[in-house]
N, C-alpha and C. Protein backbone atom coordinates (compact mmCIF):
# COMPACT_ATOMS: atom_id res chain seq x y z
N MET A 1 61.54 35.54 27.79
CA MET A 1 61.43 35.14 26.42
C MET A 1 61.17 33.64 27.42
N GLU A 2 62.32 33.28 28.01
CA GLU A 2 62.22 31.87 28.64
C GLU A 2 61.11 32.31 30.35
N THR A 3 61.36 33.01 30.70
CA THR A 3 60.41 33.39 31.64
C THR A 3 58.96 33.30 31.12
N LEU A 4 58.58 34.19 30.62
CA LEU A 4 57.12 33.95 30.30
C LEU A 4 56.78 32.32 29.27
N LEU A 5 57.58 31.87 29.11
CA LEU A 5 57.05 30.53 28.61
C LEU A 5 57.12 29.52 29.59
N TYR A 6 57.84 29.66 30.34
CA TYR A 6 57.51 28.64 31.34
C TYR A 6 56.27 28.94 32.73
N SER A 7 56.13 30.36 32.74
CA SER A 7 55.34 31.20 32.89
C SER A 7 53.86 30.70 32.60
N ALA A 8 53.73 30.84 31.16
CA ALA A 8 52.52 30.23 30.48
C ALA A 8 52.17 28.75 30.53
N ILE A 9 53.05 28.34 30.26
CA ILE A 9 53.16 26.59 30.47
C ILE A 9 52.65 26.36 31.60
N ASN A 10 53.26 26.41 32.58
CA ASN A 10 53.28 26.56 34.64
C ASN A 10 51.45 26.96 34.36
N ASP A 11 50.99 28.19 34.12
CA ASP A 11 49.29 28.64 34.18
C ASP A 11 48.34 27.69 33.68
N MET A 12 48.78 27.00 32.09
CA MET A 12 48.24 25.99 31.65
C MET A 12 47.71 25.06 32.22
N SER A 13 49.28 24.41 32.76
CA SER A 13 48.97 22.98 33.37
C SER A 13 48.09 23.44 34.60
N GLN A 14 47.99 24.35 35.08
CA GLN A 14 47.20 24.27 36.41
C GLN A 14 45.70 25.06 36.35
N GLN A 15 45.46 24.91 35.02
CA GLN A 15 43.56 25.43 35.04
C GLN A 15 42.88 24.17 34.83
N GLU A 16 41.90 24.01 35.16
CA GLU A 16 41.33 22.93 35.50
C GLU A 16 40.82 22.75 33.73
N GLN A 17 40.27 23.89 33.50
CA GLN A 17 39.42 23.77 32.09
C GLN A 17 40.54 23.43 31.11
N ALA A 18 42.17 23.70 31.37
CA ALA A 18 43.00 23.03 30.06
C ALA A 18 42.93 22.13 30.56
N SER A 19 43.03 21.13 31.03
CA SER A 19 43.56 19.92 31.21
C SER A 19 42.72 19.12 30.45
N GLN A 20 41.76 19.15 30.33
CA GLN A 20 40.48 18.41 29.40
C GLN A 20 41.07 18.42 27.90
N LEU A 21 41.28 19.54 27.51
CA LEU A 21 41.99 20.44 26.40
C LEU A 21 43.16 19.44 26.59
N LEU A 22 44.28 19.85 27.07
CA LEU A 22 45.00 18.83 27.00
C LEU A 22 45.32 17.54 27.19
N LYS A 23 44.43 17.22 27.23
CA LYS A 23 44.22 15.22 27.33
C LYS A 23 44.25 14.48 25.72
N LYS A 24 43.95 15.71 24.83
CA LYS A 24 43.34 15.58 23.30
C LYS A 24 44.77 15.60 22.70
N TYR A 25 45.76 15.53 22.72
CA TYR A 25 46.88 15.07 21.93
C TYR A 25 48.52 14.69 23.12
N ASP A 26 48.77 14.44 22.38
CA ASP A 26 50.23 13.81 22.79
C ASP A 26 51.11 13.98 21.65
N ILE A 27 52.38 15.38 21.88
CA ILE A 27 53.12 15.97 20.78
C ILE A 27 53.36 16.56 21.13
N LYS A 28 54.97 17.37 20.35
CA LYS A 28 55.55 17.82 20.57
C LYS A 28 55.80 18.42 19.61
N VAL A 29 56.86 20.29 20.16
CA VAL A 29 56.49 21.21 19.43
C VAL A 29 57.46 22.11 19.87
N LYS A 30 58.48 22.23 18.63
CA LYS A 30 59.33 23.14 18.95
C LYS A 30 59.53 24.33 18.57
N LEU A 31 59.88 25.06 20.01
CA LEU A 31 59.49 26.59 19.12
C LEU A 31 60.94 27.43 19.33
N THR A 32 61.03 27.93 18.61
CA THR A 32 63.08 29.28 17.85
C THR A 32 61.91 30.46 17.83
N CYS A 33 62.68 30.90 19.05
CA CYS A 33 62.70 32.50 19.18
C CYS A 33 64.27 33.46 19.31
N GLU A 34 64.51 33.79 18.01
CA GLU A 34 65.84 34.42 18.23
C GLU A 34 66.81 33.52 18.27
N GLY A 35 66.94 32.39 17.68
CA GLY A 35 68.02 31.71 17.67
C GLY A 35 68.23 30.46 19.15
N ARG A 36 66.97 30.92 19.94
CA ARG A 36 66.71 29.82 21.37
C ARG A 36 65.83 28.98 20.82
N VAL A 37 66.13 27.89 21.25
CA VAL A 37 64.90 26.49 21.12
C VAL A 37 64.57 25.96 21.95
N TRP A 38 63.32 25.51 22.36
CA TRP A 38 62.87 24.91 23.36
C TRP A 38 62.01 23.95 22.76
N TYR A 39 61.82 22.76 23.87
CA TYR A 39 61.05 21.93 23.18
C TYR A 39 59.85 21.64 23.64
N LEU A 40 58.27 21.39 23.36
CA LEU A 40 57.62 21.95 24.65
C LEU A 40 57.07 20.21 24.23
N ASP A 41 56.78 19.48 25.54
CA ASP A 41 56.54 18.40 25.46
C ASP A 41 54.97 18.07 26.18
N PHE A 42 53.57 17.88 25.46
CA PHE A 42 52.26 17.78 25.90
C PHE A 42 52.18 16.75 25.49
N GLN A 43 51.72 15.87 27.02
CA GLN A 43 52.08 14.61 27.29
C GLN A 43 50.88 14.72 28.81
N GLN A 44 49.72 13.92 28.26
CA GLN A 44 49.18 13.21 29.52
C GLN A 44 48.49 14.37 30.72
N SER A 45 47.93 15.44 29.87
CA SER A 45 47.47 16.81 30.47
C SER A 45 48.75 17.77 31.04
N ALA A 46 49.17 17.19 30.94
CA ALA A 46 50.63 18.62 31.34
C ALA A 46 52.00 18.62 30.31
N VAL A 47 52.52 19.76 30.44
CA VAL A 47 53.25 20.50 29.35
C VAL A 47 54.63 20.54 29.91
N ASN A 48 55.64 20.12 29.25
CA ASN A 48 56.90 20.02 29.81
C ASN A 48 57.83 20.76 29.29
N VAL A 49 59.11 21.43 29.48
CA VAL A 49 60.23 21.62 28.75
C VAL A 49 61.12 20.48 29.09
N ILE A 50 61.50 20.24 27.65
CA ILE A 50 62.38 18.80 27.72
C ILE A 50 63.23 19.70 26.68
N GLN A 51 65.03 19.47 26.59
CA GLN A 51 66.15 19.63 26.10
C GLN A 51 65.66 19.27 25.00
N ALA A 52 65.68 18.02 24.27
CA ALA A 52 66.01 17.60 22.82
C ALA A 52 65.24 16.76 22.66
N VAL A 53 64.72 16.75 21.49
CA VAL A 53 64.20 15.52 20.66
C VAL A 53 64.43 15.34 18.92
N GLU A 54 64.01 14.16 18.98
CA GLU A 54 64.32 13.68 17.43
C GLU A 54 63.66 15.13 16.35
N GLU A 55 63.91 15.39 15.68
CA GLU A 55 63.43 16.26 14.76
C GLU A 55 62.04 15.50 14.11
N HIS A 56 62.23 14.44 13.72
CA HIS A 56 61.34 13.47 13.07
C HIS A 56 60.11 13.71 14.06
N GLU A 57 60.18 13.37 15.44
CA GLU A 57 59.38 13.50 16.70
C GLU A 57 58.25 14.44 16.89
N VAL A 58 59.03 15.81 16.15
CA VAL A 58 58.12 16.73 16.51
C VAL A 58 57.26 17.11 15.55
N ALA A 59 55.82 17.59 16.18
CA ALA A 59 54.49 17.74 15.36
C ALA A 59 54.29 18.63 14.48
N VAL A 60 54.58 19.92 15.73
CA VAL A 60 54.27 21.50 15.31
C VAL A 60 55.94 22.12 15.36
N PHE A 61 56.03 22.95 14.58
CA PHE A 61 57.68 23.62 14.64
C PHE A 61 56.58 25.18 14.69
N ILE A 62 57.20 26.22 15.45
CA ILE A 62 56.90 27.89 15.42
C ILE A 62 57.85 28.21 15.26
N SER A 63 57.85 29.39 14.74
CA SER A 63 59.30 30.07 14.61
C SER A 63 59.31 31.48 14.34
N GLY A 64 59.82 32.65 15.35
CA GLY A 64 59.79 34.17 15.11
C GLY A 64 60.19 34.77 16.36
N ASP A 65 60.10 36.26 16.20
CA ASP A 65 60.73 36.95 16.64
C ASP A 65 59.78 37.23 18.30
N GLU A 66 60.55 37.61 19.58
CA GLU A 66 60.90 38.17 20.88
C GLU A 66 58.84 38.61 20.78
N GLU A 67 58.86 39.57 20.33
CA GLU A 67 57.55 40.23 20.48
C GLU A 67 56.44 39.18 19.83
N VAL A 68 56.49 38.65 18.99
CA VAL A 68 55.40 37.83 18.44
C VAL A 68 55.56 36.64 18.83
N ILE A 69 56.42 35.89 19.50
CA ILE A 69 56.03 34.64 20.20
C ILE A 69 55.95 35.07 21.92
N THR A 70 55.97 36.03 22.31
CA THR A 70 55.28 37.19 23.32
C THR A 70 53.37 37.28 23.09
N HIS A 71 53.39 37.69 21.86
CA HIS A 71 51.84 38.00 21.83
C HIS A 71 51.20 36.23 21.56
N LEU A 72 52.16 35.76 20.80
CA LEU A 72 51.61 33.73 21.39
C LEU A 72 51.03 33.70 22.50
N LEU A 73 52.20 33.37 23.27
CA LEU A 73 52.33 33.05 24.20
C LEU A 73 51.34 33.92 25.04
N LYS A 74 50.52 35.06 24.87
CA LYS A 74 50.30 35.72 26.12
C LYS A 74 48.57 35.46 25.78
N GLY A 75 48.62 34.94 24.54
CA GLY A 75 46.72 35.17 24.01
C GLY A 75 46.76 35.96 23.39
N GLU A 76 47.15 36.69 22.76
CA GLU A 76 47.28 38.03 22.17
C GLU A 76 46.80 38.14 20.95
N ASP A 77 46.79 36.95 20.26
CA ASP A 77 46.96 36.79 18.76
C ASP A 77 46.22 35.44 18.51
N PHE A 78 46.09 35.29 17.54
CA PHE A 78 45.56 33.51 16.93
C PHE A 78 47.24 33.56 16.46
N LEU A 79 47.66 31.83 16.28
CA LEU A 79 48.46 31.47 15.67
C LEU A 79 48.15 31.32 14.35
N LEU A 80 47.56 31.24 13.94
CA LEU A 80 47.00 31.09 12.42
C LEU A 80 46.75 32.42 11.56
N ALA A 81 46.64 33.37 12.05
CA ALA A 81 46.39 34.35 11.50
C ALA A 81 48.23 34.79 11.79
N MET A 82 48.84 35.32 12.60
CA MET A 82 49.62 35.57 12.60
C MET A 82 50.88 34.85 11.70
N SER A 83 50.16 33.08 11.48
CA SER A 83 51.63 32.77 10.18
C SER A 83 50.60 33.15 8.99
N LYS A 84 49.19 33.49 9.31
CA LYS A 84 48.77 34.07 7.57
C LYS A 84 49.59 35.35 7.09
N ARG A 85 49.62 35.90 8.31
CA ARG A 85 50.18 37.39 8.11
C ARG A 85 52.01 37.47 7.77
N GLY A 86 52.37 36.17 8.41
CA GLY A 86 54.17 36.48 8.33
C GLY A 86 54.81 36.53 9.36
N ASP A 87 54.01 36.94 10.16
CA ASP A 87 54.49 37.33 11.43
C ASP A 87 55.38 36.14 12.34
N LEU A 88 55.33 35.18 11.94
CA LEU A 88 56.13 33.74 12.68
C LEU A 88 55.28 33.06 11.43
N ILE A 89 56.12 31.66 11.81
CA ILE A 89 56.97 30.28 11.08
C ILE A 89 55.47 29.64 11.48
N ALA A 90 54.63 28.95 11.38
CA ALA A 90 53.85 27.69 12.24
C ALA A 90 53.70 26.76 11.38
N ASP A 91 54.25 25.46 11.36
CA ASP A 91 53.96 24.36 10.61
C ASP A 91 53.95 23.01 11.43
N GLY A 92 52.90 22.44 10.43
CA GLY A 92 52.20 21.24 11.59
C GLY A 92 50.92 21.07 10.97
N ALA A 93 49.89 19.65 11.48
CA ALA A 93 49.06 19.11 11.05
C ALA A 93 48.01 20.42 11.09
N LEU A 94 47.29 20.35 10.61
CA LEU A 94 46.06 21.79 10.81
C LEU A 94 45.66 21.59 12.17
N LYS A 95 45.66 20.42 13.10
CA LYS A 95 44.53 19.91 13.84
C LYS A 95 45.58 20.26 14.97
N TYR A 96 46.80 20.06 15.21
CA TYR A 96 47.53 20.39 15.90
C TYR A 96 47.59 22.16 16.32
N LEU A 97 47.88 22.99 15.03
CA LEU A 97 48.16 24.17 15.22
C LEU A 97 46.66 24.91 15.81
N LEU A 98 45.49 24.35 15.17
CA LEU A 98 44.56 25.03 15.88
C LEU A 98 43.76 24.55 17.44
N TRP A 99 44.77 23.35 17.36
CA TRP A 99 44.63 23.16 19.62
C TRP A 99 45.84 24.09 19.80
N LEU A 100 46.84 24.23 19.73
CA LEU A 100 47.37 24.94 19.88
C LEU A 100 47.04 26.34 20.28
N GLU A 101 46.71 26.83 18.88
CA GLU A 101 45.48 28.02 19.11
C GLU A 101 44.55 28.14 20.21
N ALA A 102 44.34 27.51 20.64
CA ALA A 102 42.92 27.20 21.74
C ALA A 102 43.86 27.76 22.83
N LEU A 103 44.52 26.39 23.19
CA LEU A 103 45.56 26.55 24.29
C LEU A 103 46.15 27.81 24.57
N PHE A 104 46.87 29.04 23.65
CA PHE A 104 47.50 29.53 24.22
C PHE A 104 46.13 30.68 24.07
N TYR A 105 44.79 31.33 23.70
CA TYR A 105 44.55 32.01 23.39
C TYR A 105 43.92 32.00 24.31
N LEU A 106 43.08 30.29 24.96
CA LEU A 106 41.95 30.47 26.03
C LEU A 106 42.57 30.94 27.19
N TYR A 107 43.71 29.87 27.29
CA TYR A 107 44.07 29.40 28.74
C TYR A 107 44.98 30.51 29.37
N TYR A 108 46.21 31.35 28.82
CA TYR A 108 46.48 32.02 29.52
C TYR A 108 46.06 33.36 29.82
N PRO A 109 46.19 33.16 31.56
CA PRO A 109 45.61 34.13 32.30
C PRO A 109 45.57 35.61 31.50
N LYS A 110 44.00 36.18 31.64
CA LYS A 110 44.48 37.43 30.63
C LYS A 110 44.80 38.26 31.78
N LYS A 111 44.56 38.50 32.85
CA LYS A 111 44.55 39.73 33.86
C LYS A 111 46.03 39.85 33.81
N SER A 112 46.98 39.28 33.27
CA SER A 112 48.83 39.86 33.57
C SER A 112 48.55 40.54 31.91
N HIS A 113 47.65 40.45 31.38
CA HIS A 113 48.18 41.86 29.82
C HIS A 113 48.15 43.13 30.08
């Protein structure tokens, strides 16, 4: 899971098209998967994994099992659809959830599916 996460954010950060979308918000996302926690810091056109932040600084919380998070990170399904079906838990402002959905769905390199 960790390898996929780092690969996805690295690929996203490298794409010119994504850089414009990444500039839109500076937020922190807490991603939880089977007891593991990662904090993604979307800031200044880049995405970084950081060790920890105060919970009140986190704008979006996403939680699910490895299979579901893998589908999300690979852009194989939509964040909000997965949440609505109960496949994962996604909590945050709708504008941030839609923004993340676009990033994961549009900018993961489809050739690796």
